[in-house]
């Protein structure tokens, strides 16, 4: 008997190995999504509790809300998508961003 771990991946067939790799990748993606949701909730809580001290800070909050709104729009709603894009461009132009 040996104390070294056995690499079971070497003993699987190609199809089983691909399935295992896909399950591992999916688990990583799901963990990342959960982490992003927690971080986004933290950001939004801070945005709600700390008032903006300037117009640029208020614009940051507005950008976030506009991005959430745009993400919820159906793909065929090009008019509202264009309006959101134009407003985000205005924010960038007026704040001196390129």
N, C-alpha and C. Protein backbone atom coordinates (compact mmCIF):
# COMPACT_ATOMS: atom_id res chain seq x y z
N UNK A 1 0.84 -1.16 0.00
CA UNK A 1 0.00 0.00 0.00
C UNK A 1 0.89 1.24 0.00
N UNK A 2 0.42 2.28 -0.70
CA UNK A 2 1.18 3.51 -0.80
C UNK A 2 0.39 4.66 -0.19
N UNK A 3 1.08 5.68 0.25
CA UNK A 3 0.43 6.85 0.83
C UNK A 3 0.11 7.91 -0.21
N UNK A 4 0.52 7.70 -1.45
CA UNK A 4 0.27 8.66 -2.51
C UNK A 4 -1.17 8.55 -2.99
N UNK A 5 -1.81 9.67 -3.24
CA UNK A 5 -3.19 9.61 -3.74
C UNK A 5 -3.21 9.07 -5.17
N UNK A 6 -4.28 8.41 -5.51
CA UNK A 6 -4.46 7.86 -6.85
C UNK A 6 -5.17 8.91 -7.69
N UNK A 7 -4.63 9.21 -8.84
CA UNK A 7 -5.25 10.16 -9.76
C UNK A 7 -6.31 9.42 -10.56
N UNK A 8 -7.54 9.52 -10.09
CA UNK A 8 -8.63 8.80 -10.73
C UNK A 8 -8.92 9.29 -12.14
N UNK A 9 -8.57 10.55 -12.42
CA UNK A 9 -8.81 11.10 -13.75
C UNK A 9 -8.09 10.30 -14.82
N UNK A 10 -6.95 9.73 -14.51
CA UNK A 10 -6.18 8.96 -15.49
C UNK A 10 -6.86 7.64 -15.84
N UNK A 11 -7.75 7.18 -14.97
CA UNK A 11 -8.39 5.89 -15.17
C UNK A 11 -9.76 6.01 -15.81
N UNK A 12 -10.21 7.21 -16.08
CA UNK A 12 -11.51 7.42 -16.71
C UNK A 12 -11.36 7.40 -18.22
N UNK A 13 -12.45 7.07 -18.90
CA UNK A 13 -12.48 7.18 -20.35
C UNK A 13 -12.56 8.64 -20.76
N UNK A 14 -12.38 8.88 -22.04
CA UNK A 14 -12.38 10.27 -22.54
C UNK A 14 -13.73 10.95 -22.31
N UNK A 15 -14.82 10.25 -22.55
CA UNK A 15 -16.15 10.85 -22.36
C UNK A 15 -16.39 11.17 -20.89
N UNK A 16 -16.01 10.26 -20.01
CA UNK A 16 -16.19 10.50 -18.58
C UNK A 16 -15.31 11.65 -18.11
N UNK A 17 -14.11 11.75 -18.66
CA UNK A 17 -13.21 12.85 -18.29
C UNK A 17 -13.78 14.19 -18.73
N UNK A 18 -14.34 14.24 -19.95
CA UNK A 18 -14.94 15.49 -20.44
C UNK A 18 -16.14 15.88 -19.57
N UNK A 19 -16.94 14.89 -19.19
CA UNK A 19 -18.10 15.16 -18.34
C UNK A 19 -17.64 15.68 -16.97
N UNK A 20 -16.60 15.10 -16.43
CA UNK A 20 -16.05 15.55 -15.15
C UNK A 20 -15.52 16.98 -15.27
N UNK A 21 -14.80 17.26 -16.35
CA UNK A 21 -14.28 18.61 -16.57
C UNK A 21 -15.41 19.63 -16.67
N UNK A 22 -16.49 19.25 -17.37
CA UNK A 22 -17.63 20.16 -17.50
C UNK A 22 -18.28 20.41 -16.15
N UNK A 23 -18.44 19.37 -15.34
CA UNK A 23 -19.03 19.55 -14.00
C UNK A 23 -18.16 20.46 -13.15
N UNK A 24 -16.86 20.28 -13.23
CA UNK A 24 -15.95 21.13 -12.44
C UNK A 24 -16.02 22.58 -12.91
N UNK A 25 -16.05 22.78 -14.22
CA UNK A 25 -16.12 24.14 -14.76
C UNK A 25 -17.44 24.80 -14.36
N UNK A 26 -18.53 24.04 -14.43
CA UNK A 26 -19.83 24.58 -14.06
C UNK A 26 -19.86 24.95 -12.58
N UNK A 27 -19.27 24.12 -11.74
CA UNK A 27 -19.21 24.42 -10.30
C UNK A 27 -18.42 25.70 -10.06
N UNK A 28 -17.32 25.89 -10.80
CA UNK A 28 -16.53 27.12 -10.66
C UNK A 28 -17.34 28.34 -11.08
N UNK A 29 -18.05 28.23 -12.19
CA UNK A 29 -18.86 29.35 -12.68
C UNK A 29 -19.95 29.69 -11.68
N UNK A 30 -20.62 28.67 -11.15
CA UNK A 30 -21.69 28.92 -10.18
C UNK A 30 -21.14 29.58 -8.91
N UNK A 31 -19.97 29.15 -8.47
CA UNK A 31 -19.36 29.77 -7.29
C UNK A 31 -19.02 31.23 -7.58
N UNK A 32 -18.51 31.52 -8.77
CA UNK A 32 -18.18 32.90 -9.14
C UNK A 32 -19.44 33.76 -9.20
N UNK A 33 -20.52 33.20 -9.74
CA UNK A 33 -21.78 33.94 -9.83
C UNK A 33 -22.28 34.29 -8.44
N UNK A 34 -22.22 33.32 -7.52
CA UNK A 34 -22.65 33.59 -6.14
C UNK A 34 -21.80 34.71 -5.53
N UNK A 35 -20.50 34.66 -5.76
CA UNK A 35 -19.61 35.69 -5.20
C UNK A 35 -19.94 37.07 -5.78
N UNK A 36 -20.19 37.13 -7.08
CA UNK A 36 -20.53 38.41 -7.72
C UNK A 36 -21.85 38.94 -7.16
N UNK A 37 -22.82 38.07 -6.95
CA UNK A 37 -24.11 38.52 -6.40
C UNK A 37 -23.94 39.09 -4.99
N UNK A 38 -23.11 38.45 -4.19
CA UNK A 38 -22.87 38.95 -2.84
C UNK A 38 -22.18 40.31 -2.90
N UNK A 39 -21.18 40.43 -3.77
CA UNK A 39 -20.47 41.71 -3.89
C UNK A 39 -21.38 42.80 -4.44
N UNK A 40 -22.25 42.44 -5.40
CA UNK A 40 -23.18 43.42 -5.96
C UNK A 40 -24.18 43.88 -4.89
N UNK A 41 -24.67 42.96 -4.07
CA UNK A 41 -25.59 43.33 -3.00
C UNK A 41 -24.90 44.26 -2.01
N UNK A 42 -23.64 43.99 -1.70
CA UNK A 42 -22.89 44.87 -0.79
C UNK A 42 -22.75 46.26 -1.40
N UNK A 43 -22.40 46.33 -2.67
CA UNK A 43 -22.27 47.61 -3.36
C UNK A 43 -23.59 48.37 -3.32
N UNK A 44 -24.68 47.68 -3.64
CA UNK A 44 -25.97 48.36 -3.68
C UNK A 44 -26.40 48.82 -2.29
N UNK A 45 -26.09 48.04 -1.26
CA UNK A 45 -26.40 48.48 0.11
C UNK A 45 -25.63 49.75 0.46
N UNK A 46 -24.36 49.80 0.06
CA UNK A 46 -23.57 51.01 0.32
C UNK A 46 -24.11 52.18 -0.48
N UNK A 47 -24.54 51.94 -1.71
CA UNK A 47 -25.11 53.02 -2.52
C UNK A 47 -26.38 53.58 -1.90
N UNK A 48 -27.17 52.71 -1.27
CA UNK A 48 -28.42 53.16 -0.65
C UNK A 48 -28.18 53.91 0.65
N UNK A 49 -27.15 53.53 1.38
CA UNK A 49 -26.97 54.11 2.71
C UNK A 49 -26.07 55.34 2.73
N UNK A 50 -25.22 55.49 1.72
CA UNK A 50 -24.30 56.63 1.68
C UNK A 50 -24.75 57.58 0.59
N UNK A 51 -25.18 58.78 0.96
CA UNK A 51 -25.61 59.74 -0.05
C UNK A 51 -24.43 60.23 -0.90
N UNK A 52 -24.72 60.52 -2.14
CA UNK A 52 -23.69 61.04 -3.04
C UNK A 52 -23.26 62.42 -2.56
N UNK A 53 -21.96 62.66 -2.61
CA UNK A 53 -21.42 63.94 -2.18
C UNK A 53 -21.22 64.91 -3.35
N UNK A 54 -21.41 64.39 -4.57
CA UNK A 54 -21.21 65.24 -5.76
C UNK A 54 -22.02 64.66 -6.92
N UNK A 55 -22.12 65.46 -7.98
CA UNK A 55 -22.82 64.97 -9.17
C UNK A 55 -22.13 63.75 -9.79
N UNK A 56 -20.81 63.72 -9.85
CA UNK A 56 -20.18 62.51 -10.40
C UNK A 56 -20.50 61.25 -9.58
N UNK A 57 -20.58 61.38 -8.27
CA UNK A 57 -20.95 60.22 -7.45
C UNK A 57 -22.39 59.80 -7.71
N UNK A 58 -23.27 60.77 -7.89
CA UNK A 58 -24.66 60.46 -8.22
C UNK A 58 -24.74 59.80 -9.59
N UNK A 59 -23.88 60.23 -10.52
CA UNK A 59 -23.87 59.63 -11.86
C UNK A 59 -23.42 58.18 -11.81
N UNK A 60 -22.53 57.84 -10.89
CA UNK A 60 -22.10 56.45 -10.74
C UNK A 60 -23.29 55.59 -10.35
N UNK A 61 -24.10 56.07 -9.42
CA UNK A 61 -25.29 55.33 -9.01
C UNK A 61 -26.27 55.21 -10.18
N UNK A 62 -26.45 56.31 -10.92
CA UNK A 62 -27.36 56.30 -12.06
C UNK A 62 -26.88 55.33 -13.13
N UNK A 63 -25.57 55.29 -13.38
CA UNK A 63 -25.03 54.35 -14.37
C UNK A 63 -25.35 52.92 -13.98
N UNK A 64 -25.17 52.62 -12.70
CA UNK A 64 -25.44 51.26 -12.23
C UNK A 64 -26.91 50.91 -12.48
N UNK A 65 -27.81 51.81 -12.11
CA UNK A 65 -29.24 51.55 -12.33
C UNK A 65 -29.58 51.43 -13.80
N UNK A 66 -28.98 52.27 -14.62
CA UNK A 66 -29.24 52.18 -16.06
C UNK A 66 -28.75 50.87 -16.65
N UNK A 67 -27.60 50.40 -16.18
CA UNK A 67 -27.10 49.10 -16.65
C UNK A 67 -28.01 47.97 -16.23
N UNK A 68 -28.55 48.03 -15.01
CA UNK A 68 -29.51 47.01 -14.56
C UNK A 68 -30.77 47.06 -15.42
N UNK A 69 -31.24 48.28 -15.68
CA UNK A 69 -32.43 48.44 -16.52
C UNK A 69 -32.19 47.91 -17.93
N UNK A 70 -31.06 48.27 -18.51
CA UNK A 70 -30.75 47.83 -19.87
C UNK A 70 -30.64 46.31 -19.96
N UNK A 71 -30.10 45.69 -18.92
CA UNK A 71 -29.96 44.23 -18.92
C UNK A 71 -31.32 43.54 -18.87
N UNK A 72 -32.33 44.22 -18.35
CA UNK A 72 -33.65 43.61 -18.25
C UNK A 72 -34.50 43.84 -19.50
N UNK A 73 -34.02 44.68 -20.40
CA UNK A 73 -34.79 44.96 -21.62
C UNK A 73 -34.74 43.78 -22.59
N UNK A 74 -35.86 43.52 -23.26
CA UNK A 74 -35.82 42.48 -24.29
C UNK A 74 -34.93 42.91 -25.46
N UNK A 75 -34.35 41.96 -26.14
CA UNK A 75 -33.42 42.26 -27.23
C UNK A 75 -34.05 43.11 -28.32
N UNK A 76 -35.34 42.93 -28.54
CA UNK A 76 -35.99 43.69 -29.62
C UNK A 76 -36.33 45.13 -29.25
N UNK A 77 -36.12 45.53 -28.01
CA UNK A 77 -36.40 46.89 -27.58
C UNK A 77 -35.19 47.79 -27.86
N UNK A 78 -34.93 47.98 -29.14
CA UNK A 78 -33.75 48.73 -29.55
C UNK A 78 -33.86 50.22 -29.21
N UNK A 79 -35.08 50.74 -29.18
CA UNK A 79 -35.27 52.16 -28.89
C UNK A 79 -34.81 52.50 -27.47
N UNK A 80 -35.24 51.72 -26.50
CA UNK A 80 -34.83 51.99 -25.12
C UNK A 80 -33.36 51.67 -24.90
N UNK A 81 -32.86 50.64 -25.57
CA UNK A 81 -31.43 50.33 -25.47
C UNK A 81 -30.59 51.50 -26.01
N UNK A 82 -31.03 52.07 -27.12
CA UNK A 82 -30.31 53.21 -27.70
C UNK A 82 -30.39 54.42 -26.78
N UNK A 83 -31.53 54.62 -26.14
CA UNK A 83 -31.69 55.74 -25.21
C UNK A 83 -30.75 55.58 -24.01
N UNK A 84 -30.67 54.38 -23.46
CA UNK A 84 -29.76 54.13 -22.35
C UNK A 84 -28.32 54.36 -22.78
N UNK A 85 -27.95 53.85 -23.96
CA UNK A 85 -26.59 54.03 -24.46
C UNK A 85 -26.27 55.52 -24.65
N UNK A 86 -27.22 56.28 -25.18
CA UNK A 86 -27.01 57.72 -25.37
C UNK A 86 -26.82 58.43 -24.04
N UNK A 87 -27.60 58.05 -23.04
CA UNK A 87 -27.47 58.68 -21.73
C UNK A 87 -26.13 58.33 -21.07
N UNK A 88 -25.71 57.08 -21.20
CA UNK A 88 -24.41 56.69 -20.66
C UNK A 88 -23.28 57.43 -21.38
N UNK A 89 -23.44 57.64 -22.69
CA UNK A 89 -22.45 58.44 -23.44
C UNK A 89 -22.43 59.88 -22.94
N UNK A 90 -23.62 60.42 -22.65
CA UNK A 90 -23.69 61.78 -22.11
C UNK A 90 -22.96 61.88 -20.77
N UNK A 91 -23.19 60.90 -19.91
CA UNK A 91 -22.49 60.88 -18.62
C UNK A 91 -20.98 60.89 -18.83
N UNK A 92 -20.50 60.03 -19.74
CA UNK A 92 -19.06 59.94 -19.99
C UNK A 92 -18.53 61.26 -20.54
N UNK A 93 -19.25 61.85 -21.48
CA UNK A 93 -18.81 63.12 -22.09
C UNK A 93 -18.79 64.24 -21.08
N UNK A 94 -19.85 64.36 -20.29
CA UNK A 94 -19.94 65.45 -19.32
C UNK A 94 -19.00 65.29 -18.13
N UNK A 95 -18.59 64.06 -17.86
CA UNK A 95 -17.67 63.86 -16.75
C UNK A 95 -16.21 63.93 -17.20
N UNK A 96 -16.00 64.12 -18.50
CA UNK A 96 -14.64 64.24 -19.03
C UNK A 96 -13.99 62.91 -19.35
N UNK A 97 -14.75 61.82 -19.30
CA UNK A 97 -14.21 60.51 -19.69
C UNK A 97 -14.24 60.41 -21.20
N UNK A 98 -13.38 59.55 -21.72
CA UNK A 98 -13.38 59.38 -23.18
C UNK A 98 -14.01 58.08 -23.56
